[in-house]
Amino acid sequence: MGSFSIWHWLIVLLIVVMVFGTKKLKNIGSDLGGAVKGFKDGMKDGGATADDKPASQVTQSQPATEKTTIDVEAKTKG
């Protein structure tokens, strides 16, 4: 009584296909696969330090003397 037979799972699968359609289920599967692949790639990259990365992936920080804001005076009409 605790487990379902193969016929129960086939009926559930049939209902899911009827509700969502095969095209939407295919899109959901590919999106889920892409998300899992991105997560795995992120986990691999997250464990690497800056010394392990190639020089093209290491970003250079901006020098402290460079200004990143612009001072502007507002002129009033009078």
N, C-alpha and C. Protein backbone atom coordinates (compact mmCIF):
# COMPACT_ATOMS: atom_id res chain seq x y z
N MET A 1 0.82 -1.19 0.00
CA MET A 1 0.00 0.00 0.00
C MET A 1 0.86 1.25 0.00
N GLY A 2 2.09 1.20 0.50
CA GLY A 2 2.93 2.38 0.62
C GLY A 2 3.54 2.84 -0.69
N SER A 3 3.80 1.93 -1.62
CA SER A 3 4.45 2.35 -2.87
C SER A 3 3.46 2.31 -4.02
N PHE A 4 3.79 3.08 -5.04
CA PHE A 4 2.93 3.13 -6.22
C PHE A 4 3.43 2.12 -7.25
N SER A 5 2.51 1.60 -8.03
CA SER A 5 2.90 0.68 -9.09
C SER A 5 3.26 1.48 -10.34
N ILE A 6 3.73 0.80 -11.36
CA ILE A 6 4.10 1.46 -12.60
C ILE A 6 2.90 2.12 -13.26
N TRP A 7 1.72 1.55 -13.07
CA TRP A 7 0.52 2.12 -13.67
C TRP A 7 0.17 3.47 -13.05
N HIS A 8 0.39 3.62 -11.77
CA HIS A 8 0.15 4.92 -11.13
C HIS A 8 1.07 5.98 -11.72
N TRP A 9 2.35 5.65 -11.88
CA TRP A 9 3.31 6.62 -12.42
C TRP A 9 3.02 6.95 -13.88
N LEU A 10 2.56 5.97 -14.66
CA LEU A 10 2.20 6.24 -16.05
C LEU A 10 0.99 7.16 -16.16
N ILE A 11 0.03 6.99 -15.27
CA ILE A 11 -1.14 7.87 -15.27
C ILE A 11 -0.74 9.29 -14.86
N VAL A 12 0.10 9.42 -13.87
CA VAL A 12 0.59 10.74 -13.44
C VAL A 12 1.36 11.40 -14.59
N LEU A 13 2.21 10.65 -15.27
CA LEU A 13 2.97 11.18 -16.40
C LEU A 13 2.05 11.63 -17.52
N LEU A 14 1.03 10.86 -17.81
CA LEU A 14 0.06 11.21 -18.85
C LEU A 14 -0.67 12.51 -18.50
N ILE A 15 -1.06 12.66 -17.25
CA ILE A 15 -1.75 13.88 -16.82
C ILE A 15 -0.84 15.09 -16.92
N VAL A 16 0.42 14.93 -16.52
CA VAL A 16 1.38 16.04 -16.60
C VAL A 16 1.60 16.46 -18.05
N VAL A 17 1.73 15.49 -18.96
CA VAL A 17 1.92 15.81 -20.37
C VAL A 17 0.68 16.50 -20.93
N MET A 18 -0.49 16.07 -20.51
CA MET A 18 -1.72 16.69 -21.00
C MET A 18 -1.86 18.13 -20.48
N VAL A 19 -1.44 18.38 -19.26
CA VAL A 19 -1.58 19.72 -18.68
C VAL A 19 -0.54 20.68 -19.26
N PHE A 20 0.71 20.29 -19.32
CA PHE A 20 1.78 21.19 -19.73
C PHE A 20 2.10 21.10 -21.21
N GLY A 21 1.92 19.98 -21.83
CA GLY A 21 2.30 19.82 -23.23
C GLY A 21 3.76 19.43 -23.35
N THR A 22 4.09 18.78 -24.46
CA THR A 22 5.45 18.27 -24.62
C THR A 22 6.45 19.39 -24.88
N LYS A 23 6.04 20.45 -25.58
CA LYS A 23 6.98 21.54 -25.88
C LYS A 23 7.40 22.27 -24.61
N LYS A 24 6.46 22.55 -23.74
CA LYS A 24 6.79 23.24 -22.49
C LYS A 24 7.64 22.36 -21.59
N LEU A 25 7.35 21.06 -21.56
CA LEU A 25 8.15 20.14 -20.75
C LEU A 25 9.58 20.06 -21.28
N LYS A 26 9.75 20.11 -22.61
CA LYS A 26 11.09 20.09 -23.21
C LYS A 26 11.85 21.36 -22.82
N ASN A 27 11.17 22.51 -22.85
CA ASN A 27 11.82 23.77 -22.47
C ASN A 27 12.20 23.77 -21.00
N ILE A 28 11.33 23.23 -20.16
CA ILE A 28 11.64 23.16 -18.73
C ILE A 28 12.85 22.26 -18.49
N GLY A 29 12.91 21.14 -19.21
CA GLY A 29 14.04 20.23 -19.06
C GLY A 29 15.35 20.85 -19.50
N SER A 30 15.33 21.57 -20.62
CA SER A 30 16.57 22.20 -21.08
C SER A 30 16.98 23.35 -20.17
N ASP A 31 16.02 24.11 -19.65
CA ASP A 31 16.36 25.17 -18.70
C ASP A 31 16.95 24.61 -17.41
N LEU A 32 16.37 23.52 -16.94
CA LEU A 32 16.88 22.88 -15.73
C LEU A 32 18.29 22.33 -15.95
N GLY A 33 18.51 21.72 -17.11
CA GLY A 33 19.84 21.21 -17.43
C GLY A 33 20.87 22.32 -17.53
N GLY A 34 20.50 23.45 -18.12
CA GLY A 34 21.41 24.59 -18.21
C GLY A 34 21.73 25.17 -16.84
N ALA A 35 20.72 25.20 -15.97
CA ALA A 35 20.95 25.71 -14.62
C ALA A 35 21.90 24.81 -13.84
N VAL A 36 21.73 23.50 -13.98
CA VAL A 36 22.61 22.56 -13.29
C VAL A 36 24.03 22.68 -13.82
N LYS A 37 24.18 22.82 -15.15
CA LYS A 37 25.51 22.97 -15.74
C LYS A 37 26.17 24.26 -15.26
N GLY A 38 25.40 25.35 -15.22
CA GLY A 38 25.94 26.62 -14.72
C GLY A 38 26.35 26.53 -13.26
N PHE A 39 25.57 25.81 -12.47
CA PHE A 39 25.92 25.64 -11.06
C PHE A 39 27.21 24.86 -10.91
N LYS A 40 27.36 23.79 -11.69
CA LYS A 40 28.59 22.99 -11.61
C LYS A 40 29.80 23.82 -12.04
N ASP A 41 29.66 24.61 -13.11
CA ASP A 41 30.77 25.46 -13.55
C ASP A 41 31.10 26.50 -12.50
N GLY A 42 30.09 27.04 -11.85
CA GLY A 42 30.32 28.01 -10.79
C GLY A 42 31.03 27.40 -9.60
N MET A 43 30.70 26.16 -9.29
CA MET A 43 31.37 25.50 -8.18
C MET A 43 32.83 25.23 -8.51
N LYS A 44 33.12 24.89 -9.76
CA LYS A 44 34.51 24.67 -10.16
C LYS A 44 35.29 25.97 -10.11
N ASP A 45 34.72 27.06 -10.61
CA ASP A 45 35.40 28.35 -10.63
C ASP A 45 35.50 28.95 -9.24
N GLY A 46 34.55 28.68 -8.38
CA GLY A 46 34.56 29.24 -7.03
C GLY A 46 35.67 28.67 -6.18
N GLY A 47 36.11 27.46 -6.43
CA GLY A 47 37.17 26.84 -5.64
C GLY A 47 38.55 27.27 -6.08
N ALA A 48 38.67 27.86 -7.27
CA ALA A 48 39.97 28.28 -7.78
C ALA A 48 40.36 29.63 -7.20
N THR A 49 41.64 29.81 -6.91
CA THR A 49 42.13 31.10 -6.42
C THR A 49 42.61 31.94 -7.59
N ALA A 50 43.02 33.15 -7.33
CA ALA A 50 43.49 34.05 -8.38
C ALA A 50 44.78 33.52 -9.01
N ASP A 51 45.59 32.78 -8.24
CA ASP A 51 46.83 32.23 -8.78
C ASP A 51 46.56 31.10 -9.77
N ASP A 52 45.45 30.40 -9.59
CA ASP A 52 45.13 29.28 -10.46
C ASP A 52 44.53 29.72 -11.79
N LYS A 53 43.96 30.93 -11.86
CA LYS A 53 43.29 31.40 -13.06
C LYS A 53 44.30 31.91 -14.08
N PRO A 54 43.99 31.78 -15.36
CA PRO A 54 44.86 32.36 -16.38
C PRO A 54 44.87 33.88 -16.27
N ALA A 55 45.88 34.51 -16.85
CA ALA A 55 46.03 35.95 -16.75
C ALA A 55 44.86 36.70 -17.38
N SER A 56 44.19 36.12 -18.37
CA SER A 56 43.08 36.79 -19.01
C SER A 56 41.86 36.88 -18.10
N GLN A 57 41.74 36.01 -17.11
CA GLN A 57 40.59 36.02 -16.22
C GLN A 57 40.82 36.87 -14.99
N VAL A 58 42.06 37.20 -14.67
CA VAL A 58 42.36 38.00 -13.50
C VAL A 58 42.14 39.46 -13.86
N THR A 59 41.28 40.17 -13.10
CA THR A 59 40.97 41.56 -13.39
C THR A 59 41.90 42.47 -12.61
N GLN A 60 42.23 43.57 -13.22
CA GLN A 60 43.08 44.56 -12.58
C GLN A 60 42.20 45.61 -11.92
N SER A 61 42.54 46.01 -10.68
CA SER A 61 41.76 47.03 -10.00
C SER A 61 42.22 48.41 -10.47
N GLN A 62 41.32 49.39 -10.33
CA GLN A 62 41.63 50.75 -10.77
C GLN A 62 42.59 51.39 -9.77
N PRO A 63 43.49 52.24 -10.26
CA PRO A 63 44.39 52.93 -9.34
C PRO A 63 43.61 53.85 -8.41
N ALA A 64 44.11 54.05 -7.20
CA ALA A 64 43.41 54.85 -6.20
C ALA A 64 43.41 56.33 -6.57
N THR A 65 44.36 56.80 -7.40
CA THR A 65 44.44 58.21 -7.74
C THR A 65 43.44 58.62 -8.82
N GLU A 66 42.87 57.67 -9.52
CA GLU A 66 41.92 57.99 -10.58
C GLU A 66 40.57 58.36 -9.99
N LYS A 67 40.01 59.51 -10.44
CA LYS A 67 38.72 59.95 -9.95
C LYS A 67 37.61 59.22 -10.71
N THR A 68 36.62 58.79 -9.98
CA THR A 68 35.50 58.11 -10.61
C THR A 68 34.24 58.95 -10.60
N THR A 69 34.28 60.14 -9.96
CA THR A 69 33.13 61.02 -9.95
C THR A 69 33.47 62.34 -10.63
N ILE A 70 32.46 63.03 -11.07
CA ILE A 70 32.63 64.32 -11.75
C ILE A 70 31.92 65.39 -10.92
N ASP A 71 32.64 66.46 -10.62
CA ASP A 71 32.04 67.58 -9.90
C ASP A 71 31.41 68.53 -10.91
N VAL A 72 30.14 68.89 -10.66
CA VAL A 72 29.42 69.77 -11.57
C VAL A 72 28.75 70.85 -10.76
N GLU A 73 28.84 72.11 -11.25
CA GLU A 73 28.14 73.21 -10.60
C GLU A 73 26.86 73.47 -11.36
N ALA A 74 25.78 73.65 -10.62
CA ALA A 74 24.49 73.93 -11.25
C ALA A 74 24.36 75.43 -11.44
N LYS A 75 23.93 75.83 -12.62
CA LYS A 75 23.68 77.24 -12.92
C LYS A 75 22.19 77.51 -12.81
N THR A 76 21.82 78.59 -12.18
CA THR A 76 20.41 78.93 -12.04
C THR A 76 20.05 80.00 -13.06
N LYS A 77 18.84 79.92 -13.56
CA LYS A 77 18.35 80.95 -14.48
C LYS A 77 17.83 82.10 -13.65
N GLY A 78 18.14 83.29 -14.05
CA GLY A 78 17.68 84.40 -13.23
C GLY A 78 17.32 85.62 -13.95
